[in-house]
PDB file of N, CA and C in Angstrom:
ATOM      1  N   MET A   1      22.470   4.294 102.114  1.00  0.00           N
ATOM      2  CA  MET A   1      21.937   4.978 100.965  1.00  0.00           C
ATOM      3  C   MET A   1      22.304   6.458 101.029  1.00  0.00           C
ATOM      4  N   ALA A   2      22.475   7.078  99.932  1.00  0.00           N
ATOM      5  CA  ALA A   2      22.861   8.508  99.875  1.00  0.00           C
ATOM      6  C   ALA A   2      21.650   9.382 100.287  1.00  0.00           C
ATOM      7  N   THR A   3      22.045  10.550 100.854  1.00  0.00           N
ATOM      8  CA  THR A   3      20.994  11.459 101.268  1.00  0.00           C
ATOM      9  C   THR A   3      21.165  12.778 100.527  1.00  0.00           C
ATOM     10  N   VAL A   4      20.003  13.442 100.300  1.00  0.00           N
ATOM     11  CA  VAL A   4      19.987  14.734  99.631  1.00  0.00           C
ATOM     12  C   VAL A   4      19.127  15.674 100.484  1.00  0.00           C
ATOM     13  N   SER A   5      19.169  16.937 100.187  1.00  0.00           N
ATOM     14  CA  SER A   5      18.415  17.935 100.896  1.00  0.00           C
ATOM     15  C   SER A   5      17.093  18.195 100.139  1.00  0.00           C
ATOM     16  N   CYS A   6      15.986  18.253 100.899  1.00  0.00           N
ATOM     17  CA  CYS A   6      14.680  18.551 100.307  1.00  0.00           C
ATOM     18  C   CYS A   6      14.678  20.001  99.779  1.00  0.00           C
ATOM     19  N   PRO A   7      14.171  20.236  98.539  1.00  0.00           N
ATOM     20  CA  PRO A   7      14.234  21.584  98.009  1.00  0.00           C
ATOM     21  C   PRO A   7      13.256  22.566  98.744  1.00  0.00           C
ATOM     22  N   ARG A   8      12.294  22.027  99.448  1.00  0.00           N
ATOM     23  CA  ARG A   8      11.385  22.925 100.126  1.00  0.00           C
ATOM     24  C   ARG A   8      11.687  23.133 101.597  1.00  0.00           C
ATOM     25  N   CYS A   9      11.864  22.048 102.375  1.00  0.00           N
ATOM     26  CA  CYS A   9      12.087  22.208 103.810  1.00  0.00           C
ATOM     27  C   CYS A   9      13.569  22.010 104.182  1.00  0.00           C
ATOM     28  N   HIS A  10      14.414  21.596 103.249  1.00  0.00           N
ATOM     29  CA  HIS A  10      15.883  21.460 103.431  1.00  0.00           C
ATOM     30  C   HIS A  10      16.282  20.415 104.504  1.00  0.00           C
ATOM     31  N   GLN A  11      15.392  19.460 104.737  1.00  0.00           N
ATOM     32  CA  GLN A  11      15.703  18.312 105.637  1.00  0.00           C
ATOM     33  C   GLN A  11      16.459  17.294 104.779  1.00  0.00           C
ATOM     34  N   LEU A  12      17.322  16.513 105.470  1.00  0.00           N
ATOM     35  CA  LEU A  12      18.029  15.425 104.775  1.00  0.00           C
ATOM     36  C   LEU A  12      17.102  14.232 104.550  1.00  0.00           C
ATOM     37  N   ILE A  13      17.046  13.757 103.349  1.00  0.00           N
ATOM     38  CA  ILE A  13      16.172  12.657 103.031  1.00  0.00           C
ATOM     39  C   ILE A  13      16.923  11.699 102.097  1.00  0.00           C
ATOM     40  N   GLU A  14      16.412  10.479 101.915  1.00  0.00           N
ATOM     41  CA  GLU A  14      17.090   9.490 101.063  1.00  0.00           C
ATOM     42  C   GLU A  14      16.975   9.983  99.608  1.00  0.00           C
ATOM     43  N   SER A  15      17.990   9.706  98.829  1.00  0.00           N
ATOM     44  CA  SER A  15      18.031  10.138  97.441  1.00  0.00           C
ATOM     45  C   SER A  15      16.958   9.509  96.564  1.00  0.00           C
ATOM     46  N   GLN A  16      16.466   8.317  96.957  1.00  0.00           N
ATOM     47  CA  GLN A  16      15.481   7.614  96.184  1.00  0.00           C
ATOM     48  C   GLN A  16      14.065   7.823  96.691  1.00  0.00           C
ATOM     49  N   ALA A  17      13.900   8.744  97.676  1.00  0.00           N
ATOM     50  CA  ALA A  17      12.559   8.983  98.246  1.00  0.00           C
ATOM     51  C   ALA A  17      11.694   9.606  97.135  1.00  0.00           C
ATOM     52  N   ILE A  18      10.431   9.125  97.077  1.00  0.00           N
ATOM     53  CA  ILE A  18       9.449   9.605  96.099  1.00  0.00           C
ATOM     54  C   ILE A  18       8.908  10.937  96.544  1.00  0.00           C
ATOM     55  N   SER A  19       8.697  11.089  97.834  1.00  0.00           N
ATOM     56  CA  SER A  19       8.213  12.361  98.390  1.00  0.00           C
ATOM     57  C   SER A  19       8.907  12.625  99.709  1.00  0.00           C
ATOM     58  N   CYS A  20       8.975  13.895 100.091  1.00  0.00           N
ATOM     59  CA  CYS A  20       9.645  14.221 101.349  1.00  0.00           C
ATOM     60  C   CYS A  20       8.783  13.793 102.554  1.00  0.00           C
ATOM     61  N   PRO A  21       9.366  13.011 103.500  1.00  0.00           N
ATOM     62  CA  PRO A  21       8.545  12.579 104.604  1.00  0.00           C
ATOM     63  C   PRO A  21       8.186  13.721 105.570  1.00  0.00           C
ATOM     64  N   TYR A  22       8.814  14.849 105.442  1.00  0.00           N
ATOM     65  CA  TYR A  22       8.574  15.990 106.325  1.00  0.00           C
ATOM     66  C   TYR A  22       7.468  16.952 105.821  1.00  0.00           C
ATOM     67  N   CYS A  23       7.660  17.421 104.556  1.00  0.00           N
ATOM     68  CA  CYS A  23       6.740  18.382 103.973  1.00  0.00           C
ATOM     69  C   CYS A  23       5.873  17.815 102.906  1.00  0.00           C
ATOM     70  N   ARG A  24       6.059  16.552 102.510  1.00  0.00           N
ATOM     71  CA  ARG A  24       5.272  15.817 101.528  1.00  0.00           C
ATOM     72  C   ARG A  24       5.329  16.375 100.126  1.00  0.00           C
ATOM     73  N   ILE A  25       6.410  17.073  99.772  1.00  0.00           N
ATOM     74  CA  ILE A  25       6.523  17.590  98.372  1.00  0.00           C
ATOM     75  C   ILE A  25       6.966  16.373  97.515  1.00  0.00           C
ATOM     76  N   THR A  26       6.401  16.292  96.308  1.00  0.00           N
ATOM     77  CA  THR A  26       6.749  15.236  95.397  1.00  0.00           C
ATOM     78  C   THR A  26       8.169  15.472  94.838  1.00  0.00           C
ATOM     79  N   LEU A  27       9.053  14.475  94.955  1.00  0.00           N
ATOM     80  CA  LEU A  27      10.417  14.567  94.479  1.00  0.00           C
ATOM     81  C   LEU A  27      10.696  13.844  93.215  1.00  0.00           C
ATOM     82  N   LYS A  28       9.950  12.744  92.985  1.00  0.00           N
ATOM     83  CA  LYS A  28      10.139  11.899  91.835  1.00  0.00           C
ATOM     84  C   LYS A  28       8.848  11.879  91.006  1.00  0.00           C
ATOM     85  N   ALA A  29       8.994  11.938  89.729  1.00  0.00           N
ATOM     86  CA  ALA A  29       7.825  12.032  88.805  1.00  0.00           C
ATOM     87  C   ALA A  29       7.157  10.682  88.712  1.00  0.00           C
ATOM     88  N   TYR A  30       5.844  10.734  88.633  1.00  0.00           N
ATOM     89  CA  TYR A  30       4.981   9.520  88.426  1.00  0.00           C
ATOM     90  C   TYR A  30       5.170   8.474  89.460  1.00  0.00           C
ATOM     91  N   GLY A  31       5.666   8.837  90.606  1.00  0.00           N
ATOM     92  CA  GLY A  31       5.831   7.872  91.774  1.00  0.00           C
ATOM     93  C   GLY A  31       6.922   6.859  91.500  1.00  0.00           C
ATOM     94  N   HIS A  32       7.840   7.152  90.575  1.00  0.00           N
ATOM     95  CA  HIS A  32       8.925   6.257  90.225  1.00  0.00           C
ATOM     96  C   HIS A  32      10.210   6.782  90.703  1.00  0.00           C
ATOM     97  N   PRO A  33      10.999   6.054  91.523  1.00  0.00           N
ATOM     98  CA  PRO A  33      12.230   6.559  92.049  1.00  0.00           C
ATOM     99  C   PRO A  33      13.315   6.846  90.965  1.00  0.00           C
ATOM    100  N   GLY A  34      13.180   6.334  89.803  1.00  0.00           N
ATOM    101  CA  GLY A  34      14.190   6.565  88.733  1.00  0.00           C
ATOM    102  C   GLY A  34      13.948   7.793  87.870  1.00  0.00           C
ATOM    103  N   ILE A  35      12.795   8.498  88.093  1.00  0.00           N
ATOM    104  CA  ILE A  35      12.498   9.658  87.243  1.00  0.00           C
ATOM    105  C   ILE A  35      12.541  10.920  88.147  1.00  0.00           C
ATOM    106  N   PRO A  36      13.638  11.655  88.099  1.00  0.00           N
ATOM    107  CA  PRO A  36      13.727  12.840  88.949  1.00  0.00           C
ATOM    108  C   PRO A  36      12.792  13.976  88.427  1.00  0.00           C
ATOM    109  N   LEU A  37      12.251  14.730  89.361  1.00  0.00           N
ATOM    110  CA  LEU A  37      11.406  15.830  88.984  1.00  0.00           C
ATOM    111  C   LEU A  37      12.180  17.094  89.254  1.00  0.00           C
ATOM    112  N   HIS A  38      12.551  17.827  88.259  1.00  0.00           N
ATOM    113  CA  HIS A  38      13.349  19.054  88.454  1.00  0.00           C
ATOM    114  C   HIS A  38      12.424  20.223  88.666  1.00  0.00           C
ATOM    115  N   ARG A  39      12.766  21.133  89.591  1.00  0.00           N
ATOM    116  CA  ARG A  39      11.923  22.257  89.938  1.00  0.00           C
ATOM    117  C   ARG A  39      12.698  23.558  89.741  1.00  0.00           C
ATOM    118  N   ALA A  40      12.017  24.567  89.303  1.00  0.00           N
ATOM    119  CA  ALA A  40      12.607  25.923  89.172  1.00  0.00           C
ATOM    120  C   ALA A  40      12.698  26.561  90.587  1.00  0.00           C
ATOM    121  N   THR A  41      13.795  27.284  90.739  1.00  0.00           N
ATOM    122  CA  THR A  41      13.970  27.988  92.006  1.00  0.00           C
ATOM    123  C   THR A  41      13.649  29.493  91.796  1.00  0.00           C
ATOM    124  N   GLY A  42      12.984  30.055  92.702  1.00  0.00           N
ATOM    125  CA  GLY A  42      12.617  31.480  92.653  1.00  0.00           C
ATOM    126  C   GLY A  42      11.518  31.709  91.595  1.00  0.00           C
ATOM    127  N   ASP A  43      11.603  32.841  90.914  1.00  0.00           N
ATOM    128  CA  ASP A  43      10.581  33.223  90.001  1.00  0.00           C
ATOM    129  C   ASP A  43      10.902  32.831  88.560  1.00  0.00           C
ATOM    130  N   GLY A  44      12.103  32.257  88.316  1.00  0.00           N
ATOM    131  CA  GLY A  44      12.493  31.872  86.977  1.00  0.00           C
ATOM    132  C   GLY A  44      11.781  30.584  86.487  1.00  0.00           C
ATOM    133  N   TYR A  45      12.015  30.298  85.258  1.00  0.00           N
ATOM    134  CA  TYR A  45      11.475  29.088  84.648  1.00  0.00           C
ATOM    135  C   TYR A  45      12.626  28.165  84.225  1.00  0.00           C
ATOM    136  N   LEU A  46      12.369  26.859  84.241  1.00  0.00           N
ATOM    137  CA  LEU A  46      13.391  25.904  83.872  1.00  0.00           C
ATOM    138  C   LEU A  46      13.741  26.025  82.394  1.00  0.00           C
ATOM    139  N   CYS A  47      12.836  26.398  81.578  1.00  0.00           N
ATOM    140  CA  CYS A  47      13.099  26.470  80.136  1.00  0.00           C
ATOM    141  C   CYS A  47      14.183  27.493  79.765  1.00  0.00           C
ATOM    142  N   ASP A  48      14.399  28.497  80.599  1.00  0.00           N
ATOM    143  CA  ASP A  48      15.398  29.519  80.296  1.00  0.00           C
ATOM    144  C   ASP A  48      16.783  28.917  80.261  1.00  0.00           C
ATOM    145  N   THR A  49      17.011  27.833  81.011  1.00  0.00           N
ATOM    146  CA  THR A  49      18.375  27.273  81.081  1.00  0.00           C
ATOM    147  C   THR A  49      18.412  25.822  80.624  1.00  0.00           C
ATOM    148  N   CYS A  50      17.445  25.404  79.869  1.00  0.00           N
ATOM    149  CA  CYS A  50      17.339  24.002  79.439  1.00  0.00           C
ATOM    150  C   CYS A  50      17.893  23.794  78.041  1.00  0.00           C
ATOM    151  N   THR A  51      18.615  22.681  77.847  1.00  0.00           N
ATOM    152  CA  THR A  51      19.228  22.295  76.606  1.00  0.00           C
ATOM    153  C   THR A  51      18.141  22.097  75.504  1.00  0.00           C
ATOM    154  N   TYR A  52      17.073  21.446  75.854  1.00  0.00           N
ATOM    155  CA  TYR A  52      15.975  21.133  74.898  1.00  0.00           C
ATOM    156  C   TYR A  52      15.297  22.387  74.405  1.00  0.00           C
ATOM    157  N   HIS A  53      15.154  23.413  75.258  1.00  0.00           N
ATOM    158  CA  HIS A  53      14.575  24.663  74.844  1.00  0.00           C
ATOM    159  C   HIS A  53      15.511  25.431  73.932  1.00  0.00           C
ATOM    160  N   ALA A  54      16.801  25.376  74.222  1.00  0.00           N
ATOM    161  CA  ALA A  54      17.807  26.069  73.403  1.00  0.00           C
ATOM    162  C   ALA A  54      17.844  25.525  72.017  1.00  0.00           C
ATOM    163  N   ASP A  55      17.768  24.185  71.852  1.00  0.00           N
ATOM    164  CA  ASP A  55      17.860  23.633  70.500  1.00  0.00           C
ATOM    165  C   ASP A  55      16.493  23.412  69.863  1.00  0.00           C
ATOM    166  N   ASP A  56      15.412  23.864  70.542  1.00  0.00           N
ATOM    167  CA  ASP A  56      14.035  23.823  70.031  1.00  0.00           C
ATOM    168  C   ASP A  56      13.522  22.411  69.785  1.00  0.00           C
ATOM    169  N   SER A  57      13.998  21.451  70.622  1.00  0.00           N
ATOM    170  CA  SER A  57      13.491  20.066  70.486  1.00  0.00           C
ATOM    171  C   SER A  57      12.570  19.694  71.616  1.00  0.00           C
ATOM    172  N   CYS A  58      12.209  20.634  72.467  1.00  0.00           N
ATOM    173  CA  CYS A  58      11.276  20.365  73.592  1.00  0.00           C
ATOM    174  C   CYS A  58       9.815  20.320  73.119  1.00  0.00           C
ATOM    175  N   ASN A  59       9.077  19.332  73.595  1.00  0.00           N
ATOM    176  CA  ASN A  59       7.673  19.238  73.281  1.00  0.00           C
ATOM    177  C   ASN A  59       6.784  19.235  74.498  1.00  0.00           C
ATOM    178  N   PHE A  60       7.375  19.716  75.608  1.00  0.00           N
ATOM    179  CA  PHE A  60       6.658  19.777  76.877  1.00  0.00           C
ATOM    180  C   PHE A  60       5.535  20.825  76.775  1.00  0.00           C
ATOM    181  N   PRO A  61       4.304  20.503  77.196  1.00  0.00           N
ATOM    182  CA  PRO A  61       3.163  21.409  77.002  1.00  0.00           C
ATOM    183  C   PRO A  61       3.322  22.746  77.757  1.00  0.00           C
ATOM    184  N   GLN A  62       4.026  22.741  78.869  1.00  0.00           N
ATOM    185  CA  GLN A  62       4.179  23.972  79.667  1.00  0.00           C
ATOM    186  C   GLN A  62       5.306  24.868  79.141  1.00  0.00           C
ATOM    187  N   ARG A  63       5.995  24.453  78.109  1.00  0.00           N
ATOM    188  CA  ARG A  63       7.094  25.237  77.585  1.00  0.00           C
ATOM    189  C   ARG A  63       6.558  26.557  77.072  1.00  0.00           C
ATOM    190  N   PRO A  64       7.189  27.655  77.241  1.00  0.00           N
ATOM    191  CA  PRO A  64       8.425  28.015  77.919  1.00  0.00           C
ATOM    192  C   PRO A  64       8.291  28.463  79.362  1.00  0.00           C
ATOM    193  N   TYR A  65       7.151  28.115  80.004  1.00  0.00           N
ATOM    194  CA  TYR A  65       6.914  28.563  81.374  1.00  0.00           C
ATOM    195  C   TYR A  65       6.860  27.431  82.338  1.00  0.00           C
ATOM    196  N   ALA A  66       7.665  26.406  82.158  1.00  0.00           N
ATOM    197  CA  ALA A  66       7.627  25.215  83.003  1.00  0.00           C
ATOM    198  C   ALA A  66       8.370  25.514  84.331  1.00  0.00           C
ATOM    199  N   LYS A  67       7.702  25.183  85.425  1.00  0.00           N
ATOM    200  CA  LYS A  67       8.337  25.292  86.745  1.00  0.00           C
ATOM    201  C   LYS A  67       8.795  23.887  87.217  1.00  0.00           C
ATOM    202  N   ASN A  68       8.174  22.805  86.707  1.00  0.00           N
ATOM    203  CA  ASN A  68       8.535  21.435  86.999  1.00  0.00           C
ATOM    204  C   ASN A  68       8.732  20.716  85.673  1.00  0.00           C
ATOM    205  N   CYS A  69       9.702  19.840  85.628  1.00  0.00           N
ATOM    206  CA  CYS A  69       9.950  19.107  84.401  1.00  0.00           C
ATOM    207  C   CYS A  69      10.734  17.846  84.675  1.00  0.00           C
ATOM    208  N   THR A  70      10.424  16.764  83.944  1.00  0.00           N
ATOM    209  CA  THR A  70      11.221  15.541  84.080  1.00  0.00           C
ATOM    210  C   THR A  70      12.339  15.449  83.122  1.00  0.00           C
ATOM    211  N   LEU A  71      12.315  16.217  82.039  1.00  0.00           N
ATOM    212  CA  LEU A  71      13.362  16.169  81.031  1.00  0.00           C
ATOM    213  C   LEU A  71      14.438  17.212  81.138  1.00  0.00           C
ATOM    214  N   TYR A  72      14.307  18.030  82.126  1.00  0.00           N
ATOM    215  CA  TYR A  72      15.243  19.221  82.193  1.00  0.00           C
ATOM    216  C   TYR A  72      16.738  18.804  82.229  1.00  0.00           C
ATOM    217  N   GLN A  73      17.460  19.494  81.390  1.00  0.00           N
ATOM    218  CA  GLN A  73      18.919  19.299  81.338  1.00  0.00           C
ATOM    219  C   GLN A  73      19.533  20.654  81.230  1.00  0.00           C
ATOM    220  N   ASN A  74      20.313  21.013  82.259  1.00  0.00           N
ATOM    221  CA  ASN A  74      20.921  22.351  82.309  1.00  0.00           C
ATOM    222  C   ASN A  74      21.981  22.548  81.212  1.00  0.00           C
ATOM    223  N   ILE A  75      21.831  23.572  80.422  1.00  0.00           N
ATOM    224  CA  ILE A  75      22.693  23.796  79.254  1.00  0.00           C
ATOM    225  C   ILE A  75      24.147  24.093  79.685  1.00  0.00           C
ATOM    226  N   GLU A  76      24.311  24.729  80.822  1.00  0.00           N
ATOM    227  CA  GLU A  76      25.654  24.998  81.330  1.00  0.00           C
ATOM    228  C   GLU A  76      26.353  23.713  81.772  1.00  0.00           C
ATOM    229  N   GLU A  77      25.659  22.839  82.445  1.00  0.00           N
ATOM    230  CA  GLU A  77      26.233  21.584  82.857  1.00  0.00           C
ATOM    231  C   GLU A  77      26.588  20.702  81.626  1.00  0.00           C
ATOM    232  N   THR A  78      25.801  20.760  80.619  1.00  0.00           N
ATOM    233  CA  THR A  78      26.044  20.027  79.419  1.00  0.00           C
ATOM    234  C   THR A  78      27.288  20.522  78.740  1.00  0.00           C
ATOM    235  N   LYS A  79      27.425  21.830  78.622  1.00  0.00           N
ATOM    236  CA  LYS A  79      28.598  22.419  78.042  1.00  0.00           C
ATOM    237  C   LYS A  79      29.883  22.086  78.840  1.00  0.00           C
ATOM    238  N   LEU A  80      29.790  22.114  80.159  1.00  0.00           N
ATOM    239  CA  LEU A  80      30.879  21.800  81.043  1.00  0.00           C
ATOM    240  C   LEU A  80      31.265  20.337  80.872  1.00  0.00           C
ATOM    241  N   ASP A  81      30.324  19.417  80.770  1.00  0.00           N
ATOM    242  CA  ASP A  81      30.628  18.002  80.574  1.00  0.00           C
ATOM    243  C   ASP A  81      31.313  17.775  79.235  1.00  0.00           C
ATOM    244  N   LEU A  82      30.851  18.447  78.190  1.00  0.00           N
ATOM    245  CA  LEU A  82      31.495  18.312  76.881  1.00  0.00           C
ATOM    246  C   LEU A  82      32.959  18.824  76.866  1.00  0.00           C
ATOM    247  N   GLU A  83      33.195  19.923  77.596  1.00  0.00           N
ATOM    248  CA  GLU A  83      34.531  20.465  77.700  1.00  0.00           C
ATOM    249  C   GLU A  83      35.438  19.504  78.436  1.00  0.00           C
ATOM    250  N   GLN A  84      34.958  18.903  79.513  1.00  0.00           N
ATOM    251  CA  GLN A  84      35.731  17.951  80.279  1.00  0.00           C
ATOM    252  C   GLN A  84      36.009  16.713  79.484  1.00  0.00           C
ATOM    253  N   GLN A  85      35.052  16.242  78.671  1.00  0.00           N
ATOM    254  CA  GLN A  85      35.313  15.082  77.825  1.00  0.00           C
ATOM    255  C   GLN A  85      36.411  15.352  76.787  1.00  0.00           C
ATOM    256  N   HIS A  86      36.378  16.570  76.197  1.00  0.00           N
ATOM    257  CA  HIS A  86      37.350  16.930  75.220  1.00  0.00           C
ATOM    258  C   HIS A  86      38.760  16.998  75.844  1.00  0.00           C
ATOM    259  N   HIS A  87      38.875  17.552  77.009  1.00  0.00           N
ATOM    260  CA  HIS A  87      40.165  17.715  77.674  1.00  0.00           C
ATOM    261  C   HIS A  87      40.698  16.401  78.234  1.00  0.00           C
ATOM    262  N   SER A  88      39.817  15.507  78.641  1.00  0.00           N
ATOM    263  CA  SER A  88      40.279  14.287  79.330  1.00  0.00           C
ATOM    264  C   SER A  88      40.656  13.183  78.333  1.00  0.00           C
ATOM    265  N   LYS A  89      40.344  13.288  77.027  1.00  0.00           N
ATOM    266  CA  LYS A  89      40.639  12.259  76.097  1.00  0.00           C
ATOM    267  C   LYS A  89      42.143  12.286  75.767  1.00  0.00           C
ATOM    268  N   SER A  90      42.802  11.152  76.058  1.00  0.00           N
ATOM    269  CA  SER A  90      44.184  11.005  75.722  1.00  0.00           C
ATOM    270  C   SER A  90      44.288  10.396  74.328  1.00  0.00           C
ATOM    271  N   PHE A  91      45.504  10.362  73.810  1.00  0.00           N
ATOM    272  CA  PHE A  91      45.721   9.791  72.487  1.00  0.00           C
ATOM    273  C   PHE A  91      45.322   8.321  72.454  1.00  0.00           C
ATOM    274  N   ALA A  92      45.719   7.586  73.520  1.00  0.00           N
ATOM    275  CA  ALA A  92      45.391   6.152  73.573  1.00  0.00           C
ATOM    276  C   ALA A  92      43.870   5.883  73.505  1.00  0.00           C
ATOM    277  N   VAL A  93      43.128   6.732  74.225  1.00  0.00           N
ATOM    278  CA  VAL A  93      41.654   6.561  74.227  1.00  0.00           C
ATOM    279  C   VAL A  93      41.082   6.871  72.868  1.00  0.00           C
ATOM    280  N   THR A  94      41.615   7.905  72.228  1.00  0.00           N
ATOM    281  CA  THR A  94      41.185   8.270  70.869  1.00  0.00           C
ATOM    282  C   THR A  94      41.432   7.155  69.905  1.00  0.00           C
ATOM    283  N   VAL A  95      42.613   6.562  69.964  1.00  0.00           N
ATOM    284  CA  VAL A  95      42.957   5.432  69.063  1.00  0.00           C
ATOM    285  C   VAL A  95      42.048   4.259  69.336  1.00  0.00           C
ATOM    286  N   LYS A  96      41.834   3.947  70.597  1.00  0.00           N
ATOM    287  CA  LYS A  96      40.984   2.833  70.978  1.00  0.00           C
ATOM    288  C   LYS A  96      39.545   3.018  70.402  1.00  0.00           C
ATOM    289  N   ASN A  97      39.025   4.216  70.548  1.00  0.00           N
ATOM    290  CA  ASN A  97      37.651   4.504  70.052  1.00  0.00           C
ATOM    291  C   ASN A  97      37.638   4.395  68.580  1.00  0.00           C
ATOM    292  N   TRP A  98      38.662   4.847  67.862  1.00  0.00           N
ATOM    293  CA  TRP A  98      38.705   4.804  66.412  1.00  0.00           C
ATOM    294  C   TRP A  98      38.745   3.321  65.956  1.00  0.00           C
ATOM    295  N   LEU A  99      39.516   2.520  66.678  1.00  0.00           N
ATOM    296  CA  LEU A  99      39.631   1.093  66.295  1.00  0.00           C
ATOM    297  C   LEU A  99      38.265   0.385  66.506  1.00  0.00           C
ATOM    298  N   LYS A 100      37.547   0.736  67.558  1.00  0.00           N
ATOM    299  CA  LYS A 100      36.227   0.165  67.770  1.00  0.00           C
ATOM    300  C   LYS A 100      35.267   0.566  66.636  1.00  0.00           C
ATOM    301  N   ARG A 101      35.293   1.852  66.245  1.00  0.00           N
ATOM    302  CA  ARG A 101      34.369   2.305  65.238  1.00  0.00           C
ATOM    303  C   ARG A 101      34.677   1.750  63.812  1.00  0.00           C
ATOM    304  N   ASN A 102      35.921   1.378  63.569  1.00  0.00           N
ATOM    305  CA  ASN A 102      36.349   0.971  62.236  1.00  0.00           C
ATOM    306  C   ASN A 102      36.800  -0.457  62.148  1.00  0.00           C
ATOM    307  N   GLN A 103      36.188  -1.311  62.888  1.00  0.00           N
ATOM    308  CA  GLN A 103      36.564  -2.759  62.910  1.00  0.00           C
ATOM    309  C   GLN A 103      36.360  -3.444  61.566  1.00  0.00           C
ATOM    310  N   ALA A 104      35.315  -3.055  60.889  1.00  0.00           N
ATOM    311  CA  ALA A 104      35.068  -3.672  59.564  1.00  0.00           C
ATOM    312  C   ALA A 104      36.111  -3.272  58.538  1.00  0.00           C
ATOM    313  N   LEU A 105      36.513  -2.002  58.559  1.00  0.00           N
ATOM    314  CA  LEU A 105      37.545  -1.490  57.712  1.00  0.00           C
ATOM    315  C   LEU A 105      38.874  -2.241  57.976  1.00  0.00           C
ATOM    316  N   LEU A 106      39.196  -2.391  59.199  1.00  0.00           N
ATOM    317  CA  LEU A 106      40.435  -3.075  59.580  1.00  0.00           C
ATOM    318  C   LEU A 106      40.390  -4.552  59.133  1.00  0.00           C
ATOM    319  N   LEU A 107      39.249  -5.202  59.245  1.00  0.00           N
ATOM    320  CA  LEU A 107      39.125  -6.598  58.805  1.00  0.00           C
ATOM    321  C   LEU A 107      39.351  -6.663  57.310  1.00  0.00           C
ATOM    322  N   VAL A 108      38.725  -5.826  56.574  1.00  0.00           N
ATOM    323  CA  VAL A 108      38.917  -5.821  55.107  1.00  0.00           C
ATOM    324  C   VAL A 108      40.351  -5.569  54.711  1.00  0.00           C
ATOM    325  N   LEU A 109      41.010  -4.618  55.410  1.00  0.00           N
ATOM    326  CA  LEU A 109      42.383  -4.332  55.106  1.00  0.00           C
ATOM    327  C   LEU A 109      43.297  -5.538  55.472  1.00  0.00           C
ATOM    328  N   GLY A 110      43.006  -6.163  56.573  1.00  0.00           N
ATOM    329  CA  GLY A 110      43.718  -7.369  56.982  1.00  0.00           C
ATOM    330  C   GLY A 110      43.588  -8.475  55.974  1.00  0.00           C
ATOM    331  N   LEU A 111      42.397  -8.726  55.511  1.00  0.00           N
ATOM    332  CA  LEU A 111      42.201  -9.736  54.489  1.00  0.00           C
ATOM    333  C   LEU A 111      42.925  -9.385  53.157  1.00  0.00           C
ATOM    334  N   PHE A 112      42.867  -8.119  52.816  1.00  0.00           N
ATOM    335  CA  PHE A 112      43.580  -7.662  51.597  1.00  0.00           C
ATOM    336  C   PHE A 112      45.075  -7.904  51.732  1.00  0.00           C
ATOM    337  N   LEU A 113      45.673  -7.553  52.841  1.00  0.00           N
ATOM    338  CA  LEU A 113      47.101  -7.792  53.053  1.00  0.00           C
ATOM    339  C   LEU A 113      47.414  -9.274  53.070  1.00  0.00           C
ATOM    340  N   LEU A 114      46.586 -10.085  53.638  1.00  0.00           N
ATOM    341  CA  LEU A 114      46.784 -11.555  53.669  1.00  0.00           C
ATOM    342  C   LEU A 114      46.765 -12.092  52.258  1.00  0.00           C
ATOM    343  N   CYS A 115      45.787 -11.661  51.441  1.00  0.00           N
ATOM    344  CA  CYS A 115      45.713 -12.058  50.071  1.00  0.00           C
ATOM    345  C   CYS A 115      46.968 -11.604  49.252  1.00  0.00           C
ATOM    346  N   LEU A 116      47.378 -10.376  49.475  1.00  0.00           N
ATOM    347  CA  LEU A 116      48.569  -9.842  48.812  1.00  0.00           C
ATOM    348  C   LEU A 116      49.790 -10.645  49.162  1.00  0.00           C
ATOM    349  N   LEU A 117      49.981 -10.989  50.449  1.00  0.00           N
ATOM    350  CA  LEU A 117      51.112 -11.844  50.830  1.00  0.00           C
ATOM    351  C   LEU A 117      51.034 -13.195  50.226  1.00  0.00           C
ATOM    352  N   PHE A 118      49.821 -13.736  50.121  1.00  0.00           N
ATOM    353  CA  PHE A 118      49.680 -15.092  49.473  1.00  0.00           C
ATOM    354  C   PHE A 118      50.032 -15.038  48.006  1.00  0.00           C
ATOM    355  N   VAL A 119      49.623 -13.973  47.301  1.00  0.00           N
ATOM    356  CA  VAL A 119      49.931 -13.843  45.881  1.00  0.00           C
ATOM    357  C   VAL A 119      51.409 -13.595  45.669  1.00  0.00           C
ATOM    358  N   ILE A 120      52.056 -12.834  46.481  1.00  0.00           N
ATOM    359  CA  ILE A 120      53.490 -12.564  46.392  1.00  0.00           C
ATOM    360  C   ILE A 120      54.252 -13.859  46.639  1.00  0.00           C
ATOM    361  N   SER A 121      53.853 -14.617  47.638  1.00  0.00           N
ATOM    362  CA  SER A 121      54.612 -15.828  48.001  1.00  0.00           C
ATOM    363  C   SER A 121      54.414 -16.970  46.944  1.00  0.00           C
ATOM    364  N   THR A 122      53.314 -16.998  46.257  1.00  0.00           N
ATOM    365  CA  THR A 122      53.103 -18.058  45.267  1.00  0.00           C
ATOM    366  C   THR A 122      53.679 -17.703  43.899  1.00  0.00           C
ATOM    367  N   SER A 123      54.001 -16.470  43.622  1.00  0.00           N
ATOM    368  CA  SER A 123      54.487 -16.109  42.300  1.00  0.00           C
ATOM    369  C   SER A 123      56.005 -16.133  42.237  1.00  0.00           C
TER     370      SER A 123
END
């Protein structure tokens, strides 16, 4: 299993640990290993760098002074991910995605061409 560093005592612990076995700090929200609990470092607040705060869609009661949050999403990481997605898309991937999105249109066009060929061949 993967290991991570505890944010308080900096000991190596399992990535799915609910709390640190050394300093007992809570690492996962609501005791569930699938819900990470993000913590502010230093004197700053998480809301200052959060995507949800920037687009005003956050409904967290501690906003804009949250030090702990389960929904935190760093706005810089989000921008970086979007840039990487735009740069990594090749023409083949773009065409494949377009074909997936427009299957119904392609089916209708195919049926239209089939009917057109049938009409031309019978006349």
